[in-house]
Amino acid sequence: MKHATVNIKNKKATFDYELLETFTAGMVLTGTEIKSIRLGKASLVDSYCLLENGECWVRNMHIAEYFYGTYNNHNARRDRKLLLNRKELQKLMRLTRETGFTIIPVRLFINDKGLAKLVIAIAKGKKQYDKRQSLKEKEDKRSMERMFKQ
């Protein structure tokens, strides 16, 4: 069975944060949630991850209610458990204990088996001048590409 390609990105993440290391995690979802994700009705804006009791949770991730989901529909912004192995969880705990580090969702996609996966990253917040530098580099790259096309 061929699945539609779902690739939802958190565009703000690379602008606001410097991404250090990424992990791919499965998610515990309800039936209506996976159906909404397959339709591309999800958003990672303003979402973040949290470590509680040795488990990783994604907070504030918006998955729109499924149109055909009647009374069984899910809460759009509920906390969802992420599935990571013990080594990955321990590494995340060790790195987030240091100040200035946070875990943010970067990309949501459906893999070949039809399972929803979330790419999360350990990130360090950028200062205002870092953001200006990122914008300058992006603009320089764009102008170089324009020159080569001519």
N, C-alpha and C. Protein backbone atom coordinates (compact mmCIF):
# COMPACT_ATOMS: atom_id res chain seq x y z
N MET A 1 0.83 -1.19 0.00
CA MET A 1 0.00 0.00 0.00
C MET A 1 0.88 1.26 0.00
N LYS A 2 0.68 2.13 -0.95
CA LYS A 2 1.49 3.34 -1.08
C LYS A 2 0.90 4.44 -0.20
N HIS A 3 1.75 5.02 0.64
CA HIS A 3 1.29 6.10 1.52
C HIS A 3 1.65 7.44 0.92
N ALA A 4 0.80 8.41 1.15
CA ALA A 4 1.09 9.77 0.70
C ALA A 4 2.28 10.29 1.50
N THR A 5 3.13 11.04 0.83
CA THR A 5 4.31 11.54 1.55
C THR A 5 3.90 12.70 2.43
N VAL A 6 4.10 12.51 3.72
CA VAL A 6 3.81 13.54 4.70
C VAL A 6 5.15 13.98 5.26
N ASN A 7 5.44 15.26 5.15
CA ASN A 7 6.70 15.79 5.65
C ASN A 7 6.44 17.18 6.21
N ILE A 8 6.10 17.23 7.50
CA ILE A 8 5.76 18.49 8.15
C ILE A 8 6.99 18.97 8.90
N LYS A 9 7.45 20.18 8.57
CA LYS A 9 8.68 20.71 9.16
C LYS A 9 8.38 21.85 10.11
N ASN A 10 9.28 22.01 11.07
CA ASN A 10 9.22 23.14 11.99
C ASN A 10 10.24 24.16 11.48
N LYS A 11 9.79 25.03 10.59
CA LYS A 11 10.71 25.98 9.94
C LYS A 11 11.34 26.97 10.92
N LYS A 12 10.60 27.27 11.97
CA LYS A 12 11.07 28.24 12.96
C LYS A 12 12.23 27.67 13.80
N ALA A 13 12.30 26.34 13.88
CA ALA A 13 13.30 25.69 14.73
C ALA A 13 14.73 26.04 14.32
N THR A 14 15.02 25.95 13.02
CA THR A 14 16.39 26.22 12.57
C THR A 14 16.73 27.70 12.67
N PHE A 15 15.71 28.55 12.68
CA PHE A 15 15.95 29.99 12.81
C PHE A 15 16.20 30.38 14.27
N ASP A 16 15.41 29.84 15.19
CA ASP A 16 15.50 30.21 16.60
C ASP A 16 16.54 29.41 17.39
N TYR A 17 16.91 28.22 16.86
CA TYR A 17 17.81 27.35 17.60
C TYR A 17 18.96 26.85 16.74
N GLU A 18 20.04 26.53 17.42
CA GLU A 18 21.17 25.87 16.78
C GLU A 18 21.00 24.38 17.11
N LEU A 19 20.75 23.56 16.09
CA LEU A 19 20.49 22.14 16.30
C LEU A 19 21.80 21.38 16.45
N LEU A 20 21.94 20.63 17.55
CA LEU A 20 23.19 19.93 17.83
C LEU A 20 23.15 18.46 17.44
N GLU A 21 22.08 17.77 17.83
CA GLU A 21 21.98 16.35 17.52
C GLU A 21 20.51 15.97 17.33
N THR A 22 20.24 15.08 16.37
CA THR A 22 18.84 14.71 16.12
C THR A 22 18.60 13.24 16.44
N PHE A 23 17.36 12.95 16.79
CA PHE A 23 16.90 11.59 17.08
C PHE A 23 15.57 11.39 16.37
N THR A 24 15.29 10.17 15.92
CA THR A 24 14.00 9.86 15.33
C THR A 24 13.22 9.01 16.32
N ALA A 25 12.02 9.46 16.64
CA ALA A 25 11.21 8.78 17.65
C ALA A 25 9.84 8.42 17.08
N GLY A 26 9.32 7.30 17.53
CA GLY A 26 7.94 6.93 17.22
C GLY A 26 7.03 7.68 18.17
N MET A 27 5.73 7.65 17.91
CA MET A 27 4.78 8.34 18.79
C MET A 27 3.60 7.45 19.11
N VAL A 28 3.07 7.62 20.31
CA VAL A 28 1.86 6.90 20.71
C VAL A 28 0.69 7.79 20.30
N LEU A 29 -0.08 7.32 19.31
CA LEU A 29 -1.19 8.11 18.77
C LEU A 29 -2.50 7.35 18.83
N THR A 30 -3.60 8.08 18.78
CA THR A 30 -4.91 7.44 18.68
C THR A 30 -5.25 7.30 17.19
N GLY A 31 -6.31 6.60 16.87
CA GLY A 31 -6.71 6.36 15.49
C GLY A 31 -7.00 7.61 14.70
N THR A 32 -7.71 8.56 15.32
CA THR A 32 -8.05 9.78 14.58
C THR A 32 -6.83 10.68 14.39
N GLU A 33 -5.85 10.58 15.30
CA GLU A 33 -4.64 11.39 15.16
C GLU A 33 -3.82 10.96 13.95
N ILE A 34 -3.61 9.67 13.77
CA ILE A 34 -2.81 9.18 12.64
C ILE A 34 -3.52 9.51 11.32
N LYS A 35 -4.85 9.46 11.32
CA LYS A 35 -5.60 9.79 10.10
C LYS A 35 -5.42 11.26 9.74
N SER A 36 -5.42 12.13 10.74
CA SER A 36 -5.19 13.56 10.49
C SER A 36 -3.78 13.82 10.00
N ILE A 37 -2.80 13.12 10.57
CA ILE A 37 -1.41 13.29 10.14
C ILE A 37 -1.25 12.85 8.69
N ARG A 38 -1.88 11.73 8.33
CA ARG A 38 -1.80 11.26 6.95
C ARG A 38 -2.40 12.26 5.96
N LEU A 39 -3.34 13.07 6.44
CA LEU A 39 -3.92 14.13 5.60
C LEU A 39 -3.07 15.40 5.64
N GLY A 40 -1.99 15.38 6.46
CA GLY A 40 -1.10 16.53 6.56
C GLY A 40 -1.62 17.63 7.47
N LYS A 41 -2.56 17.30 8.35
CA LYS A 41 -3.19 18.30 9.21
C LYS A 41 -2.52 18.35 10.59
N ALA A 42 -1.23 18.68 10.59
CA ALA A 42 -0.50 18.79 11.86
C ALA A 42 0.45 19.97 11.79
N SER A 43 0.82 20.49 12.95
CA SER A 43 1.72 21.63 13.01
C SER A 43 2.68 21.47 14.19
N LEU A 44 3.95 21.80 13.96
CA LEU A 44 4.96 21.70 15.01
C LEU A 44 5.31 23.06 15.60
N VAL A 45 4.63 24.12 15.18
CA VAL A 45 4.93 25.46 15.66
C VAL A 45 4.66 25.55 17.17
N ASP A 46 5.59 26.12 17.90
CA ASP A 46 5.51 26.31 19.35
C ASP A 46 5.46 25.01 20.15
N SER A 47 5.83 23.89 19.55
CA SER A 47 5.84 22.63 20.31
C SER A 47 7.24 22.38 20.85
N TYR A 48 7.31 21.61 21.93
CA TYR A 48 8.59 21.29 22.55
C TYR A 48 8.49 19.94 23.23
N CYS A 49 9.64 19.38 23.60
CA CYS A 49 9.65 18.07 24.26
C CYS A 49 10.05 18.22 25.71
N LEU A 50 9.60 17.28 26.49
CA LEU A 50 9.79 17.32 27.94
C LEU A 50 10.14 15.93 28.43
N LEU A 51 11.07 15.84 29.36
CA LEU A 51 11.41 14.55 29.95
C LEU A 51 10.78 14.45 31.33
N GLU A 52 9.94 13.43 31.52
CA GLU A 52 9.26 13.22 32.80
C GLU A 52 9.29 11.74 33.15
N ASN A 53 9.74 11.40 34.33
CA ASN A 53 9.76 10.02 34.82
C ASN A 53 10.43 9.06 33.84
N GLY A 54 11.52 9.49 33.24
CA GLY A 54 12.26 8.64 32.30
C GLY A 54 11.56 8.44 30.97
N GLU A 55 10.57 9.28 30.65
CA GLU A 55 9.86 9.20 29.38
C GLU A 55 9.93 10.56 28.70
N CYS A 56 9.86 10.55 27.37
CA CYS A 56 9.89 11.78 26.60
C CYS A 56 8.49 12.07 26.06
N TRP A 57 8.03 13.30 26.24
CA TRP A 57 6.69 13.70 25.81
C TRP A 57 6.81 14.92 24.91
N VAL A 58 5.97 15.00 23.90
CA VAL A 58 5.91 16.20 23.07
C VAL A 58 4.68 16.99 23.51
N ARG A 59 4.89 18.28 23.76
CA ARG A 59 3.83 19.15 24.26
C ARG A 59 3.48 20.19 23.21
N ASN A 60 2.23 20.56 23.17
CA ASN A 60 1.74 21.66 22.35
C ASN A 60 1.81 21.39 20.84
N MET A 61 1.96 20.13 20.44
CA MET A 61 1.95 19.81 19.02
C MET A 61 0.50 19.74 18.56
N HIS A 62 0.18 20.47 17.51
CA HIS A 62 -1.21 20.53 17.06
C HIS A 62 -1.48 19.50 15.97
N ILE A 63 -2.38 18.59 16.24
CA ILE A 63 -2.89 17.67 15.22
C ILE A 63 -4.39 17.97 15.14
N ALA A 64 -4.81 18.48 13.98
CA ALA A 64 -6.20 18.90 13.81
C ALA A 64 -7.14 17.71 14.02
N GLU A 65 -8.33 18.00 14.54
CA GLU A 65 -9.31 16.93 14.73
C GLU A 65 -9.67 16.34 13.38
N TYR A 66 -9.84 15.03 13.35
CA TYR A 66 -10.18 14.32 12.12
C TYR A 66 -11.61 14.66 11.73
N PHE A 67 -11.80 15.02 10.46
CA PHE A 67 -13.10 15.48 9.98
C PHE A 67 -14.20 14.43 10.20
N TYR A 68 -13.89 13.16 9.95
CA TYR A 68 -14.90 12.11 10.08
C TYR A 68 -14.93 11.47 11.47
N GLY A 69 -14.06 11.92 12.37
CA GLY A 69 -14.03 11.36 13.73
C GLY A 69 -15.17 11.93 14.53
N THR A 70 -16.11 11.12 14.91
CA THR A 70 -17.30 11.61 15.61
C THR A 70 -16.97 11.87 17.08
N TYR A 71 -17.62 11.20 17.98
CA TYR A 71 -17.38 11.39 19.41
C TYR A 71 -16.03 10.83 19.84
N ASN A 72 -15.38 10.02 18.98
CA ASN A 72 -14.07 9.45 19.33
C ASN A 72 -12.92 10.40 19.05
N ASN A 73 -13.20 11.59 18.58
CA ASN A 73 -12.12 12.49 18.18
C ASN A 73 -11.20 12.85 19.34
N HIS A 74 -9.97 13.17 18.99
CA HIS A 74 -8.93 13.46 19.98
C HIS A 74 -8.86 14.95 20.31
N ASN A 75 -8.17 15.28 21.39
CA ASN A 75 -7.88 16.65 21.77
C ASN A 75 -6.71 17.12 20.90
N ALA A 76 -6.83 18.23 20.19
CA ALA A 76 -5.85 18.67 19.20
C ALA A 76 -4.45 18.92 19.79
N ARG A 77 -4.36 19.39 21.03
CA ARG A 77 -3.05 19.75 21.59
C ARG A 77 -2.65 18.90 22.80
N ARG A 78 -3.10 17.68 22.86
CA ARG A 78 -2.77 16.86 24.03
C ARG A 78 -1.28 16.45 24.01
N ASP A 79 -0.74 16.07 25.19
CA ASP A 79 0.64 15.60 25.28
C ASP A 79 0.71 14.21 24.66
N ARG A 80 1.76 13.96 23.88
CA ARG A 80 1.92 12.65 23.24
C ARG A 80 3.26 12.06 23.61
N LYS A 81 3.24 10.77 23.95
CA LYS A 81 4.45 10.09 24.37
C LYS A 81 5.30 9.74 23.16
N LEU A 82 6.62 9.96 23.29
CA LEU A 82 7.55 9.60 22.24
C LEU A 82 8.23 8.29 22.60
N LEU A 83 8.48 7.47 21.59
CA LEU A 83 9.08 6.17 21.82
C LEU A 83 10.56 6.21 21.41
N LEU A 84 11.41 6.18 22.43
CA LEU A 84 12.86 6.18 22.23
C LEU A 84 13.45 5.04 23.05
N ASN A 85 14.62 4.55 22.64
CA ASN A 85 15.22 3.50 23.46
C ASN A 85 15.94 4.11 24.66
N ARG A 86 16.31 3.27 25.62
CA ARG A 86 16.87 3.73 26.89
C ARG A 86 18.13 4.57 26.71
N LYS A 87 19.02 4.13 25.80
CA LYS A 87 20.27 4.87 25.57
C LYS A 87 19.98 6.29 25.09
N GLU A 88 19.03 6.41 24.16
CA GLU A 88 18.69 7.73 23.63
C GLU A 88 18.08 8.61 24.73
N LEU A 89 17.21 8.03 25.55
CA LEU A 89 16.60 8.79 26.65
C LEU A 89 17.65 9.26 27.65
N GLN A 90 18.61 8.39 27.97
CA GLN A 90 19.65 8.77 28.92
C GLN A 90 20.52 9.89 28.35
N LYS A 91 20.82 9.83 27.06
CA LYS A 91 21.61 10.87 26.41
C LYS A 91 20.86 12.20 26.44
N LEU A 92 19.56 12.15 26.15
CA LEU A 92 18.73 13.37 26.18
C LEU A 92 18.71 13.96 27.59
N MET A 93 18.56 13.10 28.60
CA MET A 93 18.53 13.58 29.99
C MET A 93 19.84 14.24 30.37
N ARG A 94 20.94 13.60 29.97
CA ARG A 94 22.27 14.12 30.31
C ARG A 94 22.49 15.50 29.66
N LEU A 95 22.11 15.62 28.40
CA LEU A 95 22.34 16.88 27.69
C LEU A 95 21.40 18.00 28.12
N THR A 96 20.14 17.67 28.46
CA THR A 96 19.21 18.72 28.85
C THR A 96 19.43 19.21 30.28
N ARG A 97 20.20 18.48 31.07
CA ARG A 97 20.53 18.96 32.42
C ARG A 97 21.39 20.22 32.34
N GLU A 98 22.20 20.30 31.28
CA GLU A 98 23.03 21.49 31.09
C GLU A 98 22.13 22.66 30.75
N THR A 99 22.51 23.84 31.21
CA THR A 99 21.65 25.00 30.97
C THR A 99 21.72 25.43 29.51
N GLY A 100 20.60 25.92 29.03
CA GLY A 100 20.53 26.44 27.67
C GLY A 100 20.16 25.41 26.61
N PHE A 101 20.07 24.13 27.01
CA PHE A 101 19.71 23.11 26.02
C PHE A 101 18.25 22.73 26.17
N THR A 102 17.60 22.50 25.05
CA THR A 102 16.20 22.09 25.05
C THR A 102 15.99 21.05 23.94
N ILE A 103 14.86 20.38 23.97
CA ILE A 103 14.55 19.39 22.94
C ILE A 103 13.35 19.93 22.16
N ILE A 104 13.52 20.02 20.84
CA ILE A 104 12.44 20.54 20.01
C ILE A 104 12.14 19.60 18.85
N PRO A 105 10.87 19.47 18.48
CA PRO A 105 10.51 18.69 17.29
C PRO A 105 10.92 19.46 16.04
N VAL A 106 11.53 18.76 15.09
CA VAL A 106 12.00 19.40 13.88
C VAL A 106 11.16 18.99 12.67
N ARG A 107 10.79 17.69 12.61
CA ARG A 107 10.10 17.20 11.42
C ARG A 107 9.19 16.03 11.79
N LEU A 108 8.03 15.99 11.19
CA LEU A 108 7.07 14.90 11.38
C LEU A 108 6.86 14.25 10.02
N PHE A 109 7.02 12.94 9.96
CA PHE A 109 6.85 12.25 8.68
C PHE A 109 6.26 10.86 8.90
N ILE A 110 5.83 10.25 7.80
CA ILE A 110 5.31 8.88 7.84
C ILE A 110 6.35 8.01 7.14
N ASN A 111 6.82 6.96 7.82
CA ASN A 111 7.85 6.10 7.22
C ASN A 111 7.26 5.09 6.25
N ASP A 112 8.10 4.23 5.68
CA ASP A 112 7.67 3.26 4.67
C ASP A 112 6.61 2.28 5.18
N LYS A 113 6.64 2.02 6.48
CA LYS A 113 5.67 1.09 7.07
C LYS A 113 4.35 1.78 7.42
N GLY A 114 4.27 3.07 7.20
CA GLY A 114 3.04 3.81 7.48
C GLY A 114 2.95 4.32 8.91
N LEU A 115 4.09 4.33 9.62
CA LEU A 115 4.10 4.80 11.00
C LEU A 115 4.54 6.26 11.07
N ALA A 116 3.92 7.01 11.96
CA ALA A 116 4.29 8.41 12.14
C ALA A 116 5.57 8.48 12.97
N LYS A 117 6.54 9.22 12.49
CA LYS A 117 7.81 9.41 13.20
C LYS A 117 8.06 10.89 13.39
N LEU A 118 8.68 11.23 14.51
CA LEU A 118 9.00 12.61 14.82
C LEU A 118 10.51 12.74 14.99
N VAL A 119 11.11 13.64 14.23
CA VAL A 119 12.54 13.90 14.38
C VAL A 119 12.65 15.01 15.40
N ILE A 120 13.35 14.72 16.51
CA ILE A 120 13.56 15.72 17.55
C ILE A 120 15.04 16.07 17.59
N ALA A 121 15.36 17.25 18.07
CA ALA A 121 16.75 17.69 18.11
C ALA A 121 17.06 18.32 19.45
N ILE A 122 18.29 18.11 19.89
CA ILE A 122 18.78 18.83 21.05
C ILE A 122 19.26 20.16 20.50
N ALA A 123 18.75 21.24 21.07
CA ALA A 123 19.01 22.55 20.51
C ALA A 123 19.44 23.55 21.57
N LYS A 124 20.16 24.53 21.11
CA LYS A 124 20.59 25.63 21.97
C LYS A 124 20.02 26.90 21.35
N GLY A 125 19.37 27.72 22.17
CA GLY A 125 18.75 28.94 21.66
C GLY A 125 19.76 29.91 21.09
N LYS A 126 19.39 30.54 19.98
CA LYS A 126 20.27 31.53 19.35
C LYS A 126 19.98 32.90 19.95
N LYS A 127 21.01 33.71 19.99
CA LYS A 127 20.85 35.10 20.41
C LYS A 127 20.39 35.89 19.19
N GLN A 128 19.98 37.13 19.40
CA GLN A 128 19.48 37.96 18.30
C GLN A 128 20.52 38.12 17.19
N TYR A 129 21.80 38.34 17.58
CA TYR A 129 22.82 38.55 16.56
C TYR A 129 23.09 37.28 15.76
N ASP A 130 22.91 36.11 16.39
CA ASP A 130 23.06 34.84 15.67
C ASP A 130 22.00 34.73 14.58
N LYS A 131 20.78 35.18 14.89
CA LYS A 131 19.69 35.13 13.92
C LYS A 131 20.00 36.02 12.73
N ARG A 132 20.55 37.22 13.02
CA ARG A 132 20.91 38.14 11.93
C ARG A 132 21.99 37.51 11.06
N GLN A 133 22.93 36.81 11.69
CA GLN A 133 24.01 36.13 10.96
C GLN A 133 23.42 35.05 10.05
N SER A 134 22.44 34.28 10.57
CA SER A 134 21.79 33.23 9.78
C SER A 134 21.10 33.83 8.56
N LEU A 135 20.41 34.94 8.77
CA LEU A 135 19.72 35.60 7.66
C LEU A 135 20.71 36.09 6.61
N LYS A 136 21.84 36.63 7.07
CA LYS A 136 22.86 37.14 6.16
C LYS A 136 23.45 35.99 5.32
N GLU A 137 23.74 34.86 5.98
CA GLU A 137 24.29 33.70 5.27
C GLU A 137 23.29 33.19 4.22
N LYS A 138 22.01 33.17 4.58
CA LYS A 138 20.97 32.70 3.68
C LYS A 138 20.89 33.61 2.44
N GLU A 139 20.95 34.92 2.69
CA GLU A 139 20.88 35.90 1.61
C GLU A 139 22.11 35.79 0.70
N ASP A 140 23.29 35.60 1.29
CA ASP A 140 24.53 35.44 0.51
C ASP A 140 24.43 34.21 -0.39
N LYS A 141 23.93 33.12 0.17
CA LYS A 141 23.80 31.88 -0.59
C LYS A 141 22.85 32.07 -1.77
N ARG A 142 21.74 32.78 -1.53
CA ARG A 142 20.76 33.04 -2.57
C ARG A 142 21.36 33.88 -3.70
N SER A 143 22.11 34.91 -3.32
CA SER A 143 22.69 35.79 -4.34
C SER A 143 23.76 35.05 -5.15
N MET A 144 24.51 34.13 -4.51
CA MET A 144 25.50 33.33 -5.23
C MET A 144 24.81 32.42 -6.25
N GLU A 145 23.69 31.82 -5.86
CA GLU A 145 22.94 30.95 -6.77
C GLU A 145 22.42 31.74 -7.96
N ARG A 146 21.98 32.98 -7.73
CA ARG A 146 21.48 33.83 -8.81
C ARG A 146 22.59 34.13 -9.81
N MET A 147 23.80 34.38 -9.28
CA MET A 147 24.94 34.73 -10.14
C MET A 147 25.30 33.55 -11.05
N PHE A 148 25.26 32.32 -10.48
CA PHE A 148 25.65 31.15 -11.25
C PHE A 148 24.60 30.78 -12.30
N LYS A 149 23.35 31.12 -12.06
CA LYS A 149 22.29 30.80 -13.03
C LYS A 149 22.39 31.64 -14.28
N GLN A 150 22.94 32.86 -14.16
CA GLN A 150 23.01 33.79 -15.30
C GLN A 150 24.08 33.43 -16.28
